[in-house]
């Protein structure tokens, strides 16, 4: 089994459950993490085990503050740790994190375009750029005044997209 196949076997079910139930099962994350470090132990010995474990831990440590801030869920953090461990080394784990962040940004923009329309997106985008240009914090006056409910996004989609992209590129470059 290759890291790409293992990631696919873990991430696709996580996406399905996250989309349907807005949660990622702990058992899936634990099985994925243990399988990833076991796979790298088989592929590269104890060194592979240690590096895969460290890559997963690095991903966990980097994304845990996002959970504390309420930006992503605990299941997302654990699934990102699985992706980091599956990547097999620290540099690949950082590439996975970057690809997940890019995928997540694209997903959020598409969500706003589809759900709220282009006018809403353009207004928010313009206000954000303006606040950055004037070095002022962005406040959503409309949301504060109307008490708009925030919507949860199934971030497992971004995690799977970014992770599988990096692992596929890694597999292609190895051949």
C-alpha atoms as a PDB file:
ATOM      1  CA  UNK A   1       0.000   0.000   0.000  1.00  0.00           C
ATOM      2  CA  UNK A   2       1.236   3.470  -0.805  1.00  0.00           C
ATOM      3  CA  UNK A   3       0.719   6.637   1.253  1.00  0.00           C
ATOM      4  CA  UNK A   4      -1.616   7.952  -1.470  1.00  0.00           C
ATOM      5  CA  UNK A   5      -3.867   4.866  -1.260  1.00  0.00           C
ATOM      6  CA  UNK A   6      -3.863   4.986   2.532  1.00  0.00           C
ATOM      7  CA  UNK A   7      -4.759   8.679   2.514  1.00  0.00           C
ATOM      8  CA  UNK A   8      -7.566   8.040   0.044  1.00  0.00           C
ATOM      9  CA  UNK A   9      -8.913   5.196   2.184  1.00  0.00           C
ATOM     10  CA  UNK A  10      -8.974   7.476   5.222  1.00  0.00           C
ATOM     11  CA  UNK A  11      -9.919  10.846   3.750  1.00  0.00           C
ATOM     12  CA  UNK A  12     -12.787   9.842   1.437  1.00  0.00           C
ATOM     13  CA  UNK A  13     -14.872   8.281   4.249  1.00  0.00           C
ATOM     14  CA  UNK A  14     -14.056  11.306   6.434  1.00  0.00           C
ATOM     15  CA  UNK A  15     -15.399  13.648   3.750  1.00  0.00           C
ATOM     16  CA  UNK A  16     -18.586  11.615   3.389  1.00  0.00           C
ATOM     17  CA  UNK A  17     -19.259  11.608   7.137  1.00  0.00           C
ATOM     18  CA  UNK A  18     -18.316  15.289   7.524  1.00  0.00           C
ATOM     19  CA  UNK A  19     -20.664  16.345   4.727  1.00  0.00           C
ATOM     20  CA  UNK A  20     -23.542  14.245   6.088  1.00  0.00           C
ATOM     21  CA  UNK A  21     -23.107  14.671   9.851  1.00  0.00           C
ATOM     22  CA  UNK A  22     -20.715  17.631  10.288  1.00  0.00           C
ATOM     23  CA  UNK A  23     -18.319  15.523  12.329  1.00  0.00           C
ATOM     24  CA  UNK A  24     -15.299  13.314  11.780  1.00  0.00           C
ATOM     25  CA  UNK A  25     -15.234  10.052  13.784  1.00  0.00           C
ATOM     26  CA  UNK A  26     -12.378   9.605  16.249  1.00  0.00           C
ATOM     27  CA  UNK A  27     -12.097   5.937  15.285  1.00  0.00           C
ATOM     28  CA  UNK A  28     -11.427   6.897  11.659  1.00  0.00           C
ATOM     29  CA  UNK A  29      -8.732   9.390  12.677  1.00  0.00           C
ATOM     30  CA  UNK A  30      -7.078   6.946  15.085  1.00  0.00           C
ATOM     31  CA  UNK A  31      -7.114   4.116  12.542  1.00  0.00           C
ATOM     32  CA  UNK A  32      -5.722   6.437   9.855  1.00  0.00           C
ATOM     33  CA  UNK A  33      -2.952   7.750  12.111  1.00  0.00           C
ATOM     34  CA  UNK A  34      -1.884   4.299  13.320  1.00  0.00           C
ATOM     35  CA  UNK A  35      -2.016   2.931   9.772  1.00  0.00           C
ATOM     36  CA  UNK A  36       0.098   5.821   8.502  1.00  0.00           C
ATOM     37  CA  UNK A  37       2.879   5.393  11.035  1.00  0.00           C
ATOM     38  CA  UNK A  38       2.765   1.591  10.596  1.00  0.00           C
ATOM     39  CA  UNK A  39       3.012   1.990   6.807  1.00  0.00           C
ATOM     40  CA  UNK A  40       6.031   4.259   7.082  1.00  0.00           C
ATOM     41  CA  UNK A  41       7.601   1.853   9.576  1.00  0.00           C
ATOM     42  CA  UNK A  42       7.233  -0.932   6.983  1.00  0.00           C
ATOM     43  CA  UNK A  43       8.540   1.310   4.163  1.00  0.00           C
ATOM     44  CA  UNK A  44      11.497   2.854   6.037  1.00  0.00           C
ATOM     45  CA  UNK A  45      11.959   1.013   9.336  1.00  0.00           C
ATOM     46  CA  UNK A  46      11.869   2.646  12.744  1.00  0.00           C
ATOM     47  CA  UNK A  47      13.150   5.878  11.225  1.00  0.00           C
ATOM     48  CA  UNK A  48      10.055   6.001   9.037  1.00  0.00           C
ATOM     49  CA  UNK A  49       7.888   5.391  12.083  1.00  0.00           C
ATOM     50  CA  UNK A  50       9.508   8.243  14.023  1.00  0.00           C
ATOM     51  CA  UNK A  51       9.418  10.707  11.144  1.00  0.00           C
ATOM     52  CA  UNK A  52       5.777   9.907  10.257  1.00  0.00           C
ATOM     53  CA  UNK A  53       4.811  10.284  13.912  1.00  0.00           C
ATOM     54  CA  UNK A  54       6.690  13.604  14.091  1.00  0.00           C
ATOM     55  CA  UNK A  55       5.012  14.815  10.873  1.00  0.00           C
ATOM     56  CA  UNK A  56       1.585  14.024  12.314  1.00  0.00           C
ATOM     57  CA  UNK A  57       2.488  15.712  15.592  1.00  0.00           C
ATOM     58  CA  UNK A  58       3.757  18.785  13.718  1.00  0.00           C
ATOM     59  CA  UNK A  59       0.468  19.043  11.822  1.00  0.00           C
ATOM     60  CA  UNK A  60      -1.445  18.674  15.091  1.00  0.00           C
ATOM     61  CA  UNK A  61       0.591  21.351  16.883  1.00  0.00           C
ATOM     62  CA  UNK A  62       0.303  23.828  14.000  1.00  0.00           C
ATOM     63  CA  UNK A  63      -3.467  23.409  13.591  1.00  0.00           C
ATOM     64  CA  UNK A  64      -4.487  23.106  17.254  1.00  0.00           C
ATOM     65  CA  UNK A  65      -4.598  26.914  17.729  1.00  0.00           C
ATOM     66  CA  UNK A  66      -7.133  27.072  14.878  1.00  0.00           C
ATOM     67  CA  UNK A  67      -9.370  24.776  16.919  1.00  0.00           C
ATOM     68  CA  UNK A  68      -8.859  26.881  20.052  1.00  0.00           C
ATOM     69  CA  UNK A  69      -9.920  29.965  18.083  1.00  0.00           C
ATOM     70  CA  UNK A  70     -13.014  28.123  16.844  1.00  0.00           C
ATOM     71  CA  UNK A  71     -12.009  28.290  13.189  1.00  0.00           C
ATOM     72  CA  UNK A  72     -11.983  24.521  12.653  1.00  0.00           C
ATOM     73  CA  UNK A  73     -13.319  21.571  14.609  1.00  0.00           C
ATOM     74  CA  UNK A  74     -11.401  19.059  16.699  1.00  0.00           C
ATOM     75  CA  UNK A  75     -12.069  16.343  14.112  1.00  0.00           C
ATOM     76  CA  UNK A  76     -10.513  18.551  11.449  1.00  0.00           C
ATOM     77  CA  UNK A  77      -7.363  18.944  13.564  1.00  0.00           C
ATOM     78  CA  UNK A  78      -7.111  15.180  14.065  1.00  0.00           C
ATOM     79  CA  UNK A  79      -7.718  14.497  10.379  1.00  0.00           C
ATOM     80  CA  UNK A  80      -4.985  16.996   9.458  1.00  0.00           C
ATOM     81  CA  UNK A  81      -2.652  15.133  11.836  1.00  0.00           C
ATOM     82  CA  UNK A  82      -3.501  11.931   9.937  1.00  0.00           C
ATOM     83  CA  UNK A  83      -2.671  13.694   6.657  1.00  0.00           C
ATOM     84  CA  UNK A  84       0.631  14.892   8.118  1.00  0.00           C
ATOM     85  CA  UNK A  85       1.576  11.403   9.293  1.00  0.00           C
ATOM     86  CA  UNK A  86       0.568   9.905   5.958  1.00  0.00           C
ATOM     87  CA  UNK A  87       2.804  12.377   4.134  1.00  0.00           C
ATOM     88  CA  UNK A  88       5.758  10.616   5.726  1.00  0.00           C
ATOM     89  CA  UNK A  89       8.136  13.467   6.519  1.00  0.00           C
ATOM     90  CA  UNK A  90       8.200  16.965   7.965  1.00  0.00           C
ATOM     91  CA  UNK A  91       8.667  18.832   4.682  1.00  0.00           C
ATOM     92  CA  UNK A  92       5.809  16.945   3.037  1.00  0.00           C
ATOM     93  CA  UNK A  93       3.645  17.615   6.105  1.00  0.00           C
ATOM     94  CA  UNK A  94       4.273  21.347   5.693  1.00  0.00           C
ATOM     95  CA  UNK A  95       3.391  21.074   2.000  1.00  0.00           C
ATOM     96  CA  UNK A  96       0.179  19.253   2.957  1.00  0.00           C
ATOM     97  CA  UNK A  97      -0.686  22.012   5.445  1.00  0.00           C
ATOM     98  CA  UNK A  98      -0.109  24.698   2.807  1.00  0.00           C
ATOM     99  CA  UNK A  99      -2.214  22.821   0.250  1.00  0.00           C
ATOM    100  CA  UNK A 100      -5.007  22.353   2.811  1.00  0.00           C
ATOM    101  CA  UNK A 101      -4.966  26.088   3.574  1.00  0.00           C
ATOM    102  CA  UNK A 102      -5.161  26.957  -0.131  1.00  0.00           C
ATOM    103  CA  UNK A 103      -7.941  24.398  -0.700  1.00  0.00           C
ATOM    104  CA  UNK A 104      -9.815  25.769   2.301  1.00  0.00           C
ATOM    105  CA  UNK A 105      -9.537  29.339   1.036  1.00  0.00           C
ATOM    106  CA  UNK A 106     -10.844  28.345  -2.374  1.00  0.00           C
ATOM    107  CA  UNK A 107     -13.662  26.363  -0.748  1.00  0.00           C
ATOM    108  CA  UNK A 108     -14.746  29.337   1.366  1.00  0.00           C
ATOM    109  CA  UNK A 109     -14.702  31.682  -1.630  1.00  0.00           C
ATOM    110  CA  UNK A 110     -16.780  29.236  -3.673  1.00  0.00           C
ATOM    111  CA  UNK A 111     -19.173  28.841  -0.760  1.00  0.00           C
ATOM    112  CA  UNK A 112     -19.740  32.590  -0.578  1.00  0.00           C
ATOM    113  CA  UNK A 113     -20.142  32.865  -4.337  1.00  0.00           C
ATOM    114  CA  UNK A 114     -22.645  30.025  -4.556  1.00  0.00           C
ATOM    115  CA  UNK A 115     -24.523  30.554  -1.280  1.00  0.00           C
ATOM    116  CA  UNK A 116     -24.547  34.306  -0.977  1.00  0.00           C
ATOM    117  CA  UNK A 117     -24.048  35.551  -4.525  1.00  0.00           C
ATOM    118  CA  UNK A 118     -21.385  37.621  -6.220  1.00  0.00           C
ATOM    119  CA  UNK A 119     -22.647  40.960  -4.889  1.00  0.00           C
ATOM    120  CA  UNK A 120     -22.365  39.775  -1.272  1.00  0.00           C
ATOM    121  CA  UNK A 121     -18.894  38.337  -1.932  1.00  0.00           C
ATOM    122  CA  UNK A 122     -17.676  41.502  -3.687  1.00  0.00           C
ATOM    123  CA  UNK A 123     -18.942  43.707  -0.851  1.00  0.00           C
ATOM    124  CA  UNK A 124     -17.238  41.572   1.818  1.00  0.00           C
ATOM    125  CA  UNK A 125     -14.048  41.262  -0.200  1.00  0.00           C
ATOM    126  CA  UNK A 126     -13.908  45.033  -0.786  1.00  0.00           C
ATOM    127  CA  UNK A 127     -14.466  45.771   2.896  1.00  0.00           C
ATOM    128  CA  UNK A 128     -11.729  43.301   3.870  1.00  0.00           C
ATOM    129  CA  UNK A 129      -9.202  44.788   1.433  1.00  0.00           C
ATOM    130  CA  UNK A 130     -10.098  48.295   2.575  1.00  0.00           C
ATOM    131  CA  UNK A 131      -9.544  47.407   6.224  1.00  0.00           C
ATOM    132  CA  UNK A 132      -6.170  45.844   5.367  1.00  0.00           C
ATOM    133  CA  UNK A 133      -5.132  48.896   3.352  1.00  0.00           C
ATOM    134  CA  UNK A 134      -6.002  51.210   6.237  1.00  0.00           C
ATOM    135  CA  UNK A 135      -4.456  48.910   8.854  1.00  0.00           C
ATOM    136  CA  UNK A 136      -7.764  48.618  10.702  1.00  0.00           C
ATOM    137  CA  UNK A 137      -9.499  45.487  11.963  1.00  0.00           C
ATOM    138  CA  UNK A 138     -12.286  44.216   9.750  1.00  0.00           C
ATOM    139  CA  UNK A 139     -15.649  44.229  11.475  1.00  0.00           C
ATOM    140  CA  UNK A 140     -18.732  42.839   9.866  1.00  0.00           C
ATOM    141  CA  UNK A 141     -21.256  45.517  10.804  1.00  0.00           C
ATOM    142  CA  UNK A 142     -23.983  43.812   8.772  1.00  0.00           C
ATOM    143  CA  UNK A 143     -23.523  40.520  10.619  1.00  0.00           C
ATOM    144  CA  UNK A 144     -23.335  42.277  13.995  1.00  0.00           C
ATOM    145  CA  UNK A 145     -26.526  44.246  13.342  1.00  0.00           C
ATOM    146  CA  UNK A 146     -28.550  41.374  11.889  1.00  0.00           C
ATOM    147  CA  UNK A 147     -27.190  38.604  14.107  1.00  0.00           C
ATOM    148  CA  UNK A 148     -26.472  36.428  11.064  1.00  0.00           C
ATOM    149  CA  UNK A 149     -25.958  32.769  11.944  1.00  0.00           C
ATOM    150  CA  UNK A 150     -22.626  31.365  10.842  1.00  0.00           C
ATOM    151  CA  UNK A 151     -22.692  28.213   8.746  1.00  0.00           C
ATOM    152  CA  UNK A 152     -20.378  25.290   9.306  1.00  0.00           C
ATOM    153  CA  UNK A 153     -18.413  24.101   6.298  1.00  0.00           C
ATOM    154  CA  UNK A 154     -17.286  20.473   5.956  1.00  0.00           C
ATOM    155  CA  UNK A 155     -13.565  21.261   6.092  1.00  0.00           C
ATOM    156  CA  UNK A 156     -12.717  17.597   5.463  1.00  0.00           C
ATOM    157  CA  UNK A 157     -13.240  18.447   1.776  1.00  0.00           C
ATOM    158  CA  UNK A 158     -10.343  20.932   1.884  1.00  0.00           C
ATOM    159  CA  UNK A 159      -8.233  18.546   3.976  1.00  0.00           C
ATOM    160  CA  UNK A 160      -8.751  15.719   1.478  1.00  0.00           C
ATOM    161  CA  UNK A 161      -8.219  17.921  -1.580  1.00  0.00           C
ATOM    162  CA  UNK A 162      -4.996  19.493  -0.331  1.00  0.00           C
ATOM    163  CA  UNK A 163      -3.584  16.268   1.096  1.00  0.00           C
ATOM    164  CA  UNK A 164      -4.347  14.108  -1.920  1.00  0.00           C
ATOM    165  CA  UNK A 165      -2.946  16.760  -4.264  1.00  0.00           C
ATOM    166  CA  UNK A 166       0.411  16.800  -2.444  1.00  0.00           C
ATOM    167  CA  UNK A 167       0.560  13.015  -2.046  1.00  0.00           C
ATOM    168  CA  UNK A 168      -0.312  12.487  -5.730  1.00  0.00           C
ATOM    169  CA  UNK A 169       2.383  14.957  -6.788  1.00  0.00           C
ATOM    170  CA  UNK A 170       4.843  13.184  -4.497  1.00  0.00           C
ATOM    171  CA  UNK A 171       3.903   9.786  -5.985  1.00  0.00           C
ATOM    172  CA  UNK A 172       4.224  11.078  -9.548  1.00  0.00           C
ATOM    173  CA  UNK A 173       7.608  12.677  -8.883  1.00  0.00           C
ATOM    174  CA  UNK A 174       8.879   9.434  -7.333  1.00  0.00           C
ATOM    175  CA  UNK A 175       8.281   7.532 -10.591  1.00  0.00           C
END
